[in-house]
Amino acid sequence: MANHDPISDMLTRIRNSSQKRHHNTRIPASRMSRSIAKVLQQEGFIAEVTEEGEGFAKELVLGLKYSGKHRHPIIRSMQRVSRPGLRIYKNTRGLPKVLGGLGVAIISTSKGVMSDRDARKQGVGGEVLCYVY
């Protein structure tokens, strides 16, 4: 059966690659995956984002980050919150704080995809896509 949730697929690929301590991971490119990757990069969870390929074969290559000499993954957990079968929306006041502010909730708002901090700053709510910490 084909996966009909590209965001969930993206999170799973990043999670699996970081647990196997790969240097990077490849994800099919889309506007949403680019936006999520940009937020992850701004929040310091991934090193760099590059694009490879042409047309439908276009992929995002995400450089993963590790800490310490034992190379512990920076991303400890990624959880999908809103999903195709059950969308989760929050207003500005209802935006979640992940691990008391140590983690990040990625929110899809009317002003684009952003972290929960940015959404609070701009005073917008939206669909809670995932938690990363």
Protein backbone atom coordinates (compact mmCIF):
# COMPACT_ATOMS: atom_id res chain seq x y z
CA MET A 1 0.00 0.00 0.00
CA ALA A 2 1.29 3.44 -0.93
CA ASN A 3 1.97 6.00 1.78
CA HIS A 4 -0.53 8.85 1.43
CA ASP A 5 1.07 11.02 4.09
CA PRO A 6 4.28 12.58 2.71
CA ILE A 7 4.98 14.48 5.96
CA SER A 8 4.87 11.28 8.00
CA ASP A 9 7.12 9.63 5.38
CA MET A 10 9.60 12.53 5.67
CA LEU A 11 9.72 12.32 9.47
CA THR A 12 10.22 8.55 9.35
CA ARG A 13 13.10 8.88 6.86
CA ILE A 14 14.84 11.49 9.05
CA ARG A 15 14.24 9.44 12.22
CA ASN A 16 15.59 6.22 10.65
CA SER A 17 18.63 7.91 9.10
CA SER A 18 19.62 9.67 12.32
CA GLN A 19 19.27 6.45 14.35
CA LYS A 20 21.55 4.69 11.84
CA ARG A 21 23.90 7.71 12.07
CA HIS A 22 23.87 8.45 8.34
CA HIS A 23 25.44 11.74 7.22
CA ASN A 24 22.37 12.69 5.20
CA THR A 25 18.97 11.48 4.06
CA ARG A 26 16.97 11.92 0.85
CA ILE A 27 13.34 12.99 0.73
CA PRO A 28 11.06 13.54 -2.29
CA ALA A 29 10.91 17.30 -2.81
CA SER A 30 7.64 19.17 -2.35
CA ARG A 31 6.72 22.66 -1.19
CA MET A 32 5.70 21.30 2.24
CA SER A 33 8.87 19.20 2.73
CA ARG A 34 11.01 22.23 1.77
CA SER A 35 9.20 24.37 4.35
CA ILE A 36 9.56 21.77 7.12
CA ALA A 37 13.25 21.26 6.27
CA LYS A 38 13.78 25.05 6.43
CA VAL A 39 12.24 25.22 9.92
CA LEU A 40 14.33 22.23 11.08
CA GLN A 41 17.45 23.98 9.78
CA GLN A 42 16.57 27.33 11.44
CA GLU A 43 15.98 25.51 14.75
CA GLY A 44 19.35 23.76 14.50
CA PHE A 45 18.14 20.17 14.05
CA ILE A 46 19.67 19.64 10.60
CA ALA A 47 22.89 21.00 9.11
CA GLU A 48 22.05 21.79 5.48
CA VAL A 49 19.38 21.31 2.83
CA THR A 50 20.26 20.83 -0.84
CA GLU A 51 18.18 19.83 -3.87
CA GLU A 52 19.13 17.22 -6.45
CA GLY A 53 17.46 15.88 -9.57
CA GLU A 54 15.01 17.20 -12.15
CA GLY A 55 11.23 17.36 -12.38
CA PHE A 56 9.42 14.55 -10.59
CA ALA A 57 12.71 12.96 -9.50
CA LYS A 58 13.68 16.06 -7.51
CA GLU A 59 14.87 15.22 -3.99
CA LEU A 60 15.88 17.17 -0.91
CA VAL A 61 19.14 16.02 0.67
CA LEU A 62 19.16 16.84 4.38
CA GLY A 63 22.49 16.88 6.24
CA LEU A 64 21.92 15.40 9.70
CA LYS A 65 23.60 16.72 12.86
CA TYR A 66 25.17 14.79 15.73
CA SER A 67 26.76 15.82 19.02
CA GLY A 68 29.76 14.56 20.96
CA LYS A 69 32.43 12.07 20.02
CA HIS A 70 29.90 9.20 20.16
CA ARG A 71 27.77 11.04 17.58
CA HIS A 72 24.46 11.18 19.43
CA PRO A 73 21.70 12.35 17.06
CA ILE A 74 20.55 15.95 17.71
CA ILE A 75 17.00 14.83 16.82
CA ARG A 76 15.90 12.53 19.64
CA SER A 77 12.28 12.23 18.63
CA MET A 78 9.94 13.31 15.83
CA GLN A 79 6.21 12.84 16.29
CA ARG A 80 3.47 13.44 13.74
CA VAL A 81 0.59 15.26 15.43
CA SER A 82 -1.98 16.24 12.82
CA ARG A 83 -2.53 13.54 10.21
CA PRO A 84 -4.79 13.11 7.16
CA GLY A 85 -7.41 11.20 9.19
CA LEU A 86 -7.39 13.63 12.14
CA ARG A 87 -6.30 17.23 11.66
CA ILE A 88 -5.21 19.10 14.79
CA TYR A 89 -5.59 22.90 14.77
CA LYS A 90 -4.62 25.30 17.55
CA ASN A 91 -5.10 29.03 17.97
CA THR A 92 -2.28 31.28 19.19
CA ARG A 93 -3.05 30.66 22.86
CA GLY A 94 -3.41 26.92 22.35
CA LEU A 95 -0.06 26.39 20.62
CA PRO A 96 1.85 23.60 22.40
CA LYS A 97 5.19 24.01 24.17
CA VAL A 98 7.29 20.93 23.44
CA LEU A 99 9.37 19.78 26.44
CA GLY A 100 8.82 23.14 28.14
CA GLY A 101 10.33 25.00 25.18
CA LEU A 102 13.32 22.69 24.58
CA GLY A 103 11.63 21.08 21.59
CA VAL A 104 9.83 22.59 18.62
CA ALA A 105 6.30 22.20 17.29
CA ILE A 106 6.14 22.80 13.54
CA ILE A 107 2.94 24.66 12.64
CA SER A 108 1.38 25.22 9.22
CA THR A 109 -0.16 28.70 9.39
CA SER A 110 -1.76 31.10 6.95
CA LYS A 111 1.63 32.87 6.86
CA GLY A 112 3.54 29.69 5.98
CA VAL A 113 5.15 26.83 7.89
CA MET A 114 6.95 27.97 11.05
CA SER A 115 8.02 26.95 14.53
CA ASP A 116 5.66 27.38 17.49
CA ARG A 117 7.83 30.28 18.76
CA ASP A 118 7.53 32.18 15.48
CA ALA A 119 3.78 31.52 15.31
CA ARG A 120 3.35 32.92 18.86
CA LYS A 121 5.47 35.96 17.94
CA GLN A 122 3.36 36.64 14.83
CA GLY A 123 0.12 35.92 16.70
CA VAL A 124 -1.12 33.18 14.36
CA GLY A 125 -2.39 29.67 14.96
CA GLY A 126 -2.71 26.79 12.54
CA GLU A 127 -2.34 23.06 11.95
CA VAL A 128 0.15 21.38 14.31
CA LEU A 129 2.20 19.21 11.93
CA CYS A 130 4.73 17.61 14.27
CA TYR A 131 6.85 17.79 17.42
CA VAL A 132 10.65 17.62 17.22
CA TYR A 133 13.06 17.33 20.15
